[in-house]
Protein backbone atom coordinates (compact mmCIF):
# COMPACT_ATOMS: atom_id res chain seq x y z
CA UNK A 1 68.76 61.48 72.46
CA UNK A 2 68.11 59.39 75.60
CA UNK A 3 65.23 57.48 76.94
CA UNK A 4 64.45 59.44 80.61
CA UNK A 5 61.77 60.28 82.78
CA UNK A 6 62.17 62.21 85.85
CA UNK A 7 59.28 61.81 88.89
CA UNK A 8 59.05 65.19 90.83
CA UNK A 9 57.71 65.90 93.92
CA UNK A 10 57.10 62.29 94.97
CA UNK A 11 56.85 60.53 98.75
CA UNK A 12 59.88 58.24 97.27
CA UNK A 13 60.24 54.62 99.34
CA UNK A 14 63.18 52.54 99.71
CA UNK A 15 63.14 49.37 101.35
CA UNK A 16 67.48 50.02 101.88
CA UNK A 17 67.26 54.25 101.95
CA UNK A 18 64.07 54.59 103.67
CA UNK A 19 61.10 57.60 103.16
CA UNK A 20 62.40 60.68 101.43
CA UNK A 21 60.61 63.65 99.30
CA UNK A 22 61.58 64.56 96.24
CA UNK A 23 62.58 63.48 92.21
CA UNK A 24 64.08 60.44 91.10
CA UNK A 25 65.34 59.77 87.31
CA UNK A 26 64.95 56.55 85.21
CA UNK A 27 67.52 56.70 82.44
CA UNK A 28 67.47 54.39 79.61
CA UNK A 29 65.58 52.01 82.02
CA UNK A 30 67.78 52.11 85.16
CA UNK A 31 67.42 54.56 88.10
CA UNK A 32 70.13 57.29 87.66
CA UNK A 33 72.49 59.25 89.99
CA UNK A 34 72.24 62.86 90.19
CA UNK A 35 70.35 65.13 87.73
CA UNK A 36 68.02 64.00 84.75
CA UNK A 37 69.15 64.84 81.03
CA UNK A 38 67.63 67.76 79.68
CA UNK A 39 65.04 65.80 77.28
CA UNK A 40 63.25 64.08 80.27
CA UNK A 41 59.83 63.57 80.45
CA UNK A 42 59.02 64.96 83.51
CA UNK A 43 55.90 63.06 86.02
CA UNK A 44 54.33 65.41 88.69
CA UNK A 45 53.78 62.78 91.49
CA UNK A 46 52.35 65.37 93.29
CA UNK A 47 53.00 63.97 96.74
CA UNK A 48 52.19 60.39 96.12
CA UNK A 49 54.33 57.27 97.22
CA UNK A 50 56.85 56.53 94.66
CA UNK A 51 57.81 52.75 95.33
CA UNK A 52 59.85 49.52 93.98
CA UNK A 53 57.61 47.42 91.43
CA UNK A 54 56.02 44.32 93.47
CA UNK A 55 58.21 41.11 92.60
CA UNK A 56 55.44 38.31 93.66
CA UNK A 57 56.66 34.62 94.57
CA UNK A 58 54.30 31.67 94.05
CA UNK A 59 51.52 32.66 92.03
CA UNK A 60 49.36 30.05 90.29
CA UNK A 61 48.34 31.90 87.24
CA UNK A 62 50.24 34.47 84.99
CA UNK A 63 47.66 37.20 85.11
CA UNK A 64 48.67 40.54 83.60
CA UNK A 65 45.78 42.32 83.98
CA UNK A 66 45.49 42.00 87.80
CA UNK A 67 49.11 42.26 88.26
CA UNK A 68 48.96 45.43 86.73
CA UNK A 69 46.40 46.46 89.49
CA UNK A 70 48.27 45.10 92.21
CA UNK A 71 51.53 47.08 91.17
CA UNK A 72 53.30 43.65 90.39
CA UNK A 73 56.08 43.75 87.64
CA UNK A 74 57.72 40.45 88.06
CA UNK A 75 56.04 37.13 88.96
CA UNK A 76 57.41 33.68 89.98
CA UNK A 77 54.73 31.26 88.94
CA UNK A 78 54.34 27.89 90.88
CA UNK A 79 55.29 24.49 88.91
CA UNK A 80 51.63 23.92 88.48
CA UNK A 81 50.72 25.25 85.22
CA UNK A 82 49.24 23.97 82.46
CA UNK A 83 51.59 22.40 81.07
CA UNK A 84 53.57 22.00 84.56
CA UNK A 85 57.01 23.49 84.82
CA UNK A 86 59.21 20.22 84.50
CA UNK A 87 60.60 20.75 81.13
CA UNK A 88 63.19 23.04 79.87
CA UNK A 89 61.26 24.11 76.57
CA UNK A 90 58.03 24.75 78.58
CA UNK A 91 60.38 27.01 81.32
CA UNK A 92 62.03 28.79 78.51
CA UNK A 93 58.69 30.09 77.28
CA UNK A 94 57.20 30.61 80.42
CA UNK A 95 60.41 33.17 80.86
CA UNK A 96 59.24 34.85 77.47
CA UNK A 97 55.93 35.48 77.42
CA UNK A 98 55.02 38.47 79.73
CA UNK A 99 58.08 40.77 78.69
CA UNK A 100 58.03 44.00 77.92
CA UNK A 101 55.40 44.33 80.57
CA UNK A 102 55.57 41.54 82.94
CA UNK A 103 58.23 39.72 83.72
CA UNK A 104 57.82 36.23 84.58
CA UNK A 105 61.01 34.05 86.39
CA UNK A 106 59.67 30.79 86.54
CA UNK A 107 60.17 28.23 89.47
CA UNK A 108 60.63 24.86 88.22
CA UNK A 109 59.29 21.24 89.62
CA UNK A 110 61.47 19.68 91.43
CA UNK A 111 59.67 16.52 90.27
CA UNK A 112 58.41 15.18 86.95
CA UNK A 113 54.91 15.83 86.71
CA UNK A 114 54.76 17.15 89.85
CA UNK A 115 54.08 13.70 91.38
CA UNK A 116 56.35 13.57 94.23
CA UNK A 117 58.24 10.04 92.83
CA UNK A 118 61.07 10.94 90.51
CA UNK A 119 63.40 14.17 90.45
CA UNK A 120 63.53 16.51 87.92
CA UNK A 121 66.19 17.44 85.34
CA UNK A 122 67.04 20.73 87.92
CA UNK A 123 70.33 21.33 86.01
CA UNK A 124 68.48 21.94 82.63
CA UNK A 125 65.92 23.55 83.97
CA UNK A 126 68.20 25.74 85.59
CA UNK A 127 69.72 26.69 82.65
CA UNK A 128 66.27 27.56 80.56
CA UNK A 129 65.66 29.90 82.93
CA UNK A 130 64.24 28.40 86.18
CA UNK A 131 65.01 31.08 88.96
CA UNK A 132 63.84 28.40 91.84
CA UNK A 133 63.01 24.85 92.19
CA UNK A 134 59.50 24.09 93.58
CA UNK A 135 57.56 21.41 95.28
CA UNK A 136 54.08 22.36 93.55
CA UNK A 137 50.86 22.43 95.39
CA UNK A 138 52.02 19.42 97.65
CA UNK A 139 54.55 18.41 99.69
CA UNK A 140 57.17 15.71 98.60
CA UNK A 141 56.43 13.37 101.56
CA UNK A 142 59.17 11.02 100.25
CA UNK A 143 62.02 12.37 102.88
CA UNK A 144 64.97 10.59 100.49
CA UNK A 145 63.84 12.10 97.64
CA UNK A 146 63.45 15.77 99.05
CA UNK A 147 66.91 15.12 100.10
CA UNK A 148 68.34 14.62 97.12
CA UNK A 149 66.28 17.39 95.66
CA UNK A 150 67.43 19.71 97.88
CA UNK A 151 71.51 18.37 97.79
CA UNK A 152 71.29 19.11 93.82
CA UNK A 153 69.53 22.50 94.10
CA UNK A 154 72.43 23.51 96.98
CA UNK A 155 75.23 22.24 94.11
CA UNK A 156 73.16 24.66 91.80
CA UNK A 157 72.64 27.66 93.89
CA UNK A 158 68.85 27.39 93.49
CA UNK A 159 66.49 27.95 96.00
CA UNK A 160 63.60 25.28 96.74
CA UNK A 161 60.22 26.34 97.83
CA UNK A 162 58.19 24.09 99.87
CA UNK A 163 54.40 23.90 100.41
CA UNK A 164 54.26 23.12 104.06
CA UNK A 165 52.16 20.66 104.59
CA UNK A 166 51.51 17.19 105.79
CA UNK A 167 49.66 15.52 102.85
CA UNK A 168 49.55 12.29 105.44
CA UNK A 169 47.43 13.96 107.80
CA UNK A 170 45.56 16.89 105.40
CA UNK A 171 44.45 14.05 103.25
CA UNK A 172 40.60 15.54 102.05
CA UNK A 173 40.73 18.53 104.66
CA UNK A 174 39.11 21.52 103.97
CA UNK A 175 39.55 23.55 107.28
CA UNK A 176 41.89 23.47 110.08
CA UNK A 177 40.80 21.39 113.00
CA UNK A 178 38.88 23.50 115.60
CA UNK A 179 35.34 24.90 116.83
CA UNK A 180 34.50 26.24 113.63
CA UNK A 181 35.33 23.17 111.64
CA UNK A 182 33.38 21.28 114.42
CA UNK A 183 30.48 23.44 114.44
CA UNK A 184 30.16 23.27 110.79
CA UNK A 185 31.16 19.58 110.17
CA UNK A 186 33.66 20.38 107.66
CA UNK A 187 36.19 17.89 107.35
CA UNK A 188 39.85 19.41 109.23
CA UNK A 189 43.39 18.84 109.81
CA UNK A 190 44.97 19.49 112.53
CA UNK A 191 47.29 22.88 112.37
CA UNK A 192 50.33 20.77 113.30
CA UNK A 193 50.18 18.93 109.83
CA UNK A 194 52.11 22.00 108.92
CA UNK A 195 54.90 22.00 111.83
CA UNK A 196 55.64 18.62 111.00
CA UNK A 197 56.11 19.34 106.89
CA UNK A 198 58.12 22.48 108.37
CA UNK A 199 60.32 20.75 110.81
CA UNK A 200 61.09 18.02 107.98
CA UNK A 201 62.17 20.37 105.42
CA UNK A 202 64.20 22.72 107.86
CA UNK A 203 65.75 19.77 109.06
CA UNK A 204 66.96 18.34 105.60
CA UNK A 205 67.78 22.03 104.77
CA UNK A 206 70.12 22.26 107.67
CA UNK A 207 71.70 19.04 106.72
CA UNK A 208 72.49 19.63 102.87
CA UNK A 209 72.92 23.37 103.50
CA UNK A 210 70.53 23.97 100.84
CA UNK A 211 68.83 27.03 100.69
CA UNK A 212 64.97 26.19 101.35
CA UNK A 213 61.64 29.13 101.35
CA UNK A 214 58.29 27.57 102.64
CA UNK A 215 55.71 29.27 100.42
CA UNK A 216 53.60 30.34 102.73
CA UNK A 217 53.98 29.51 106.78
CA UNK A 218 50.42 30.22 108.82
CA UNK A 219 50.66 28.47 112.37
CA UNK A 220 52.54 29.48 115.50
CA UNK A 221 54.24 26.73 115.88
CA UNK A 222 55.22 26.55 111.78
CA UNK A 223 56.64 30.18 112.80
CA UNK A 224 58.02 29.20 115.70
CA UNK A 225 60.49 26.52 113.86
CA UNK A 226 61.34 28.85 111.31
CA UNK A 227 62.47 31.80 113.97
CA UNK A 228 64.50 28.86 116.28
CA UNK A 229 66.00 27.49 112.32
CA UNK A 230 67.11 30.76 111.47
CA UNK A 231 69.12 31.35 114.83
CA UNK A 232 71.03 28.25 114.16
CA UNK A 233 72.04 29.89 110.47
CA UNK A 234 69.96 27.69 108.57
CA UNK A 235 69.40 29.09 105.06
CA UNK A 236 65.68 28.88 105.41
CA UNK A 237 63.27 32.13 104.26
CA UNK A 238 59.47 31.81 104.55
CA UNK A 239 56.26 33.93 103.17
CA UNK A 240 52.77 34.57 103.38
CA UNK A 241 49.72 36.19 101.98
CA UNK A 242 47.16 38.77 103.77
CA UNK A 243 44.21 36.26 103.88
CA UNK A 244 46.09 34.33 106.40
CA UNK A 245 47.34 37.73 108.50
CA UNK A 246 44.05 39.44 108.14
CA UNK A 247 41.56 36.75 108.44
CA UNK A 248 41.11 33.76 110.79
CA UNK A 249 38.89 30.72 109.95
CA UNK A 250 36.17 32.91 111.69
CA UNK A 251 35.99 33.76 108.04
CA UNK A 252 34.56 30.56 106.52
CA UNK A 253 31.23 30.66 108.75
CA UNK A 254 28.63 31.06 106.51
CA UNK A 255 30.20 28.85 104.38
CA UNK A 256 31.77 31.44 101.85
CA UNK A 257 33.71 29.35 99.45
CA UNK A 258 35.81 32.23 98.35
CA UNK A 259 37.46 31.64 101.99
CA UNK A 260 38.30 27.76 100.98
CA UNK A 261 41.93 28.21 100.74
CA UNK A 262 45.17 26.04 100.89
CA UNK A 263 46.36 25.78 103.58
CA UNK A 264 43.21 26.65 105.36
CA UNK A 265 42.57 29.49 107.62
CA UNK A 266 43.88 29.10 111.11
CA UNK A 267 42.08 30.13 114.63
CA UNK A 268 42.96 33.45 115.74
CA UNK A 269 46.35 32.41 117.92
CA UNK A 270 47.77 31.61 114.97
CA UNK A 271 46.48 35.14 113.05
CA UNK A 272 47.85 36.89 115.84
CA UNK A 273 51.39 34.72 115.67
CA UNK A 274 51.40 35.22 112.16
CA UNK A 275 51.17 39.18 112.51
CA UNK A 276 53.92 39.47 115.43
CA UNK A 277 56.51 36.84 113.25
CA UNK A 278 56.13 39.57 110.11
CA UNK A 279 57.09 42.44 111.98
CA UNK A 280 60.10 40.93 114.21
CA UNK A 281 61.50 39.61 110.64
CA UNK A 282 60.39 35.67 111.31
CA UNK A 283 58.49 36.18 107.45
CA UNK A 284 60.34 37.39 104.59
CA UNK A 285 58.08 37.50 102.05
CA UNK A 286 54.66 38.99 101.41
CA UNK A 287 53.02 37.57 98.71
CA UNK A 288 49.62 37.08 96.65
CA UNK A 289 49.11 33.36 96.45
CA UNK A 290 47.53 34.39 93.12
CA UNK A 291 44.94 31.22 92.71
CA UNK A 292 41.98 32.79 90.65
CA UNK A 293 39.44 30.19 90.29
CA UNK A 294 36.27 30.60 88.17
CA UNK A 295 32.57 29.78 89.24
CA UNK A 296 31.93 26.21 88.10
CA UNK A 297 34.82 25.84 91.01
CA UNK A 298 33.48 28.16 93.55
CA UNK A 299 29.74 27.84 93.14
CA UNK A 300 29.65 24.56 94.55
CA UNK A 301 28.97 23.05 98.70
CA UNK A 302 32.65 24.48 100.54
CA UNK A 303 33.98 20.56 100.90
CA UNK A 304 33.45 20.09 96.99
CA UNK A 305 34.64 23.67 95.68
CA UNK A 306 38.39 24.16 94.84
CA UNK A 307 40.92 26.05 97.30
CA UNK A 308 42.36 29.05 96.25
CA UNK A 309 42.00 33.07 96.00
CA UNK A 310 42.60 36.00 93.55
CA UNK A 311 45.22 37.92 95.26
CA UNK A 312 46.99 39.56 92.72
CA UNK A 313 44.61 43.08 92.13
CA UNK A 314 44.37 43.48 96.04
CA UNK A 315 48.26 42.43 97.69
CA UNK A 316 48.86 46.24 98.20
CA UNK A 317 45.87 47.42 98.92
CA UNK A 318 45.88 44.84 102.24
CA UNK A 319 49.27 45.29 102.79
CA UNK A 320 49.54 48.69 103.35
CA UNK A 321 46.37 48.33 105.47
CA UNK A 322 49.66 47.05 107.78
CA UNK A 323 51.48 50.18 107.40
CA UNK A 324 48.13 51.92 108.64
CA UNK A 325 47.79 49.48 111.56
CA UNK A 326 51.91 50.30 112.90
CA UNK A 327 52.57 46.39 112.03
CA UNK A 328 55.18 47.69 109.39
CA UNK A 329 57.04 50.71 108.24
CA UNK A 330 56.68 51.80 104.52
CA UNK A 331 60.42 50.45 103.77
CA UNK A 332 59.85 47.57 105.82
CA UNK A 333 56.72 46.88 104.06
CA UNK A 334 58.34 47.30 100.47
CA UNK A 335 61.36 44.98 101.45
CA UNK A 336 58.97 42.21 101.88
CA UNK A 337 57.11 42.58 98.95
CA UNK A 338 59.83 43.92 96.87
CA UNK A 339 63.50 43.72 97.94
CA UNK A 340 63.53 40.08 99.38
CA UNK A 341 61.26 38.51 96.83
CA UNK A 342 63.95 40.19 93.65
CA UNK A 343 67.02 38.09 96.24
CA UNK A 344 65.34 34.97 96.82
CA UNK A 345 65.27 34.43 92.91
CA UNK A 346 68.60 35.88 92.39
CA UNK A 347 67.28 39.30 90.35
CA UNK A 348 69.12 42.67 90.85
CA UNK A 349 65.80 44.57 91.51
CA UNK A 350 63.66 45.29 94.16
CA UNK A 351 65.14 48.61 95.66
CA UNK A 352 65.39 52.46 94.50
CA UNK A 353 69.41 52.25 94.27
CA UNK A 354 71.05 53.78 91.34
CA UNK A 355 72.09 51.21 88.73
CA UNK A 356 68.26 48.91 89.46
CA UNK A 357 66.16 48.62 86.68
CA UNK A 358 63.26 51.23 86.61
CA UNK A 359 61.14 48.91 88.03
CA UNK A 360 58.95 51.55 90.00
CA UNK A 361 55.08 52.19 90.97
CA UNK A 362 53.57 55.52 91.90
CA UNK A 363 50.53 54.78 94.78
CA UNK A 364 47.96 57.14 96.08
CA UNK A 365 48.25 55.10 99.75
CA UNK A 366 44.79 57.28 100.70
CA UNK A 367 42.54 56.56 98.20
CA UNK A 368 39.90 54.74 99.41
CA UNK A 369 37.71 51.60 97.15
CA UNK A 370 35.95 48.67 98.11
CA UNK A 371 37.09 45.25 96.79
CA UNK A 372 34.43 43.94 94.33
CA UNK A 373 35.02 40.22 93.08
CA UNK A 374 33.17 40.73 90.33
CA UNK A 375 34.79 44.04 89.02
CA UNK A 376 37.73 43.05 89.80
CA UNK A 377 40.34 42.77 86.84
CA UNK A 378 42.10 39.23 85.97
CA UNK A 379 40.98 35.67 85.44
CA UNK A 380 38.62 35.59 88.29
CA UNK A 381 38.05 37.68 90.66
CA UNK A 382 37.31 35.32 93.74
CA UNK A 383 38.47 36.89 97.00
CA UNK A 384 37.33 36.55 100.71
CA UNK A 385 37.73 40.17 100.89
CA UNK A 386 34.59 40.36 98.60
CA UNK A 387 33.27 44.19 99.75
CA UNK A 388 35.84 44.80 102.29
CA UNK A 389 36.64 48.67 102.46
CA UNK A 390 40.70 49.29 101.78
CA UNK A 391 42.92 52.64 100.97
CA UNK A 392 45.43 52.82 98.35
CA UNK A 393 45.47 52.66 94.38
CA UNK A 394 47.81 52.00 92.03
CA UNK A 395 48.21 55.10 89.78
CA UNK A 396 50.88 54.02 87.35
CA UNK A 397 53.18 51.39 86.82
CA UNK A 398 56.49 51.15 85.04
CA UNK A 399 58.76 48.42 84.22
CA UNK A 400 62.34 49.22 83.10
CA UNK A 401 60.95 52.78 82.64
CA UNK A 402 58.71 51.73 80.23
CA UNK A 403 54.77 52.69 81.36
CA UNK A 404 52.65 49.48 81.57
CA UNK A 405 49.22 50.51 80.35
């Protein structure tokens, strides 16, 4: 007897095939072509959205409850875990802990202890299950070391995920230099700190031929550099999170520490540039940047609080707003949430094509709800969108044809 599901009456959205209304079958954990077997369990979707499960790249915490609510079925955590993902045994364990409900695809540390001084054993880390190599929260300032990291990663066919902020300029800054930071007396760094890091890393990637992914690019200058590099054929991609698409540094005006992020929120022209870059394909990936912080880290003066926000549970609802605002089509949205992240990691997933893993989510795109930091499932709910009314709820999640409860 086969293990089969038949989704009927669904509004099916695939990043490759587009939209259609109809049925979808999953047999033995794989999306099937043609009719489902007679013994299939039938799920009436009642016109709701059926889409690929989200693949989230660059989260700082493995948070099963938040991922379930957000429709995330695969997550690639940053190497900044406890302990750091710079040892093959730790990487191997990380790759196993979430199965079967949430598959973990570790991003291993590019340097030992993420200190930016000595290159990690990338070949061994790759053999242990690492899907990418990452610099961690901080940029690798040593250009010679970064050149070697990219060279070795190229030979291993591993993408390097870099944090695009020049630490020499950022220092202890908690905001982007500009009117908001000046008015509130916050230590600030110029937005060019991002562009400098982006430019250096792109030049090194171009020289080595390596694959480079910039975790978050949030300024007009940084995005222009990525756009130009792509035209030259550089193997560079970049991501962004909903916070930097939907909020400017004005969100810090009441010293709300939930809006203390890294990189910091930018001025409005940069936010508009990011929206344009998402629409024209310069930005490849939408990610949660999930970095949950407890009260002990956030109930402090703004400058003393730790940067970061919980983003996994709200990723899809906030992203669906981009569709309602005609910034992206639904297939293009799931291209950035599922297909391209999977491709970056070398995972055969992210679409609803026959033969692909049965990783699907059933979504009511119109269901209204209000983001509540105190009630958000997961490790912590610190979000700059606390109190915001949104639309779009994940109703059911299936990983490999098995429902995640």
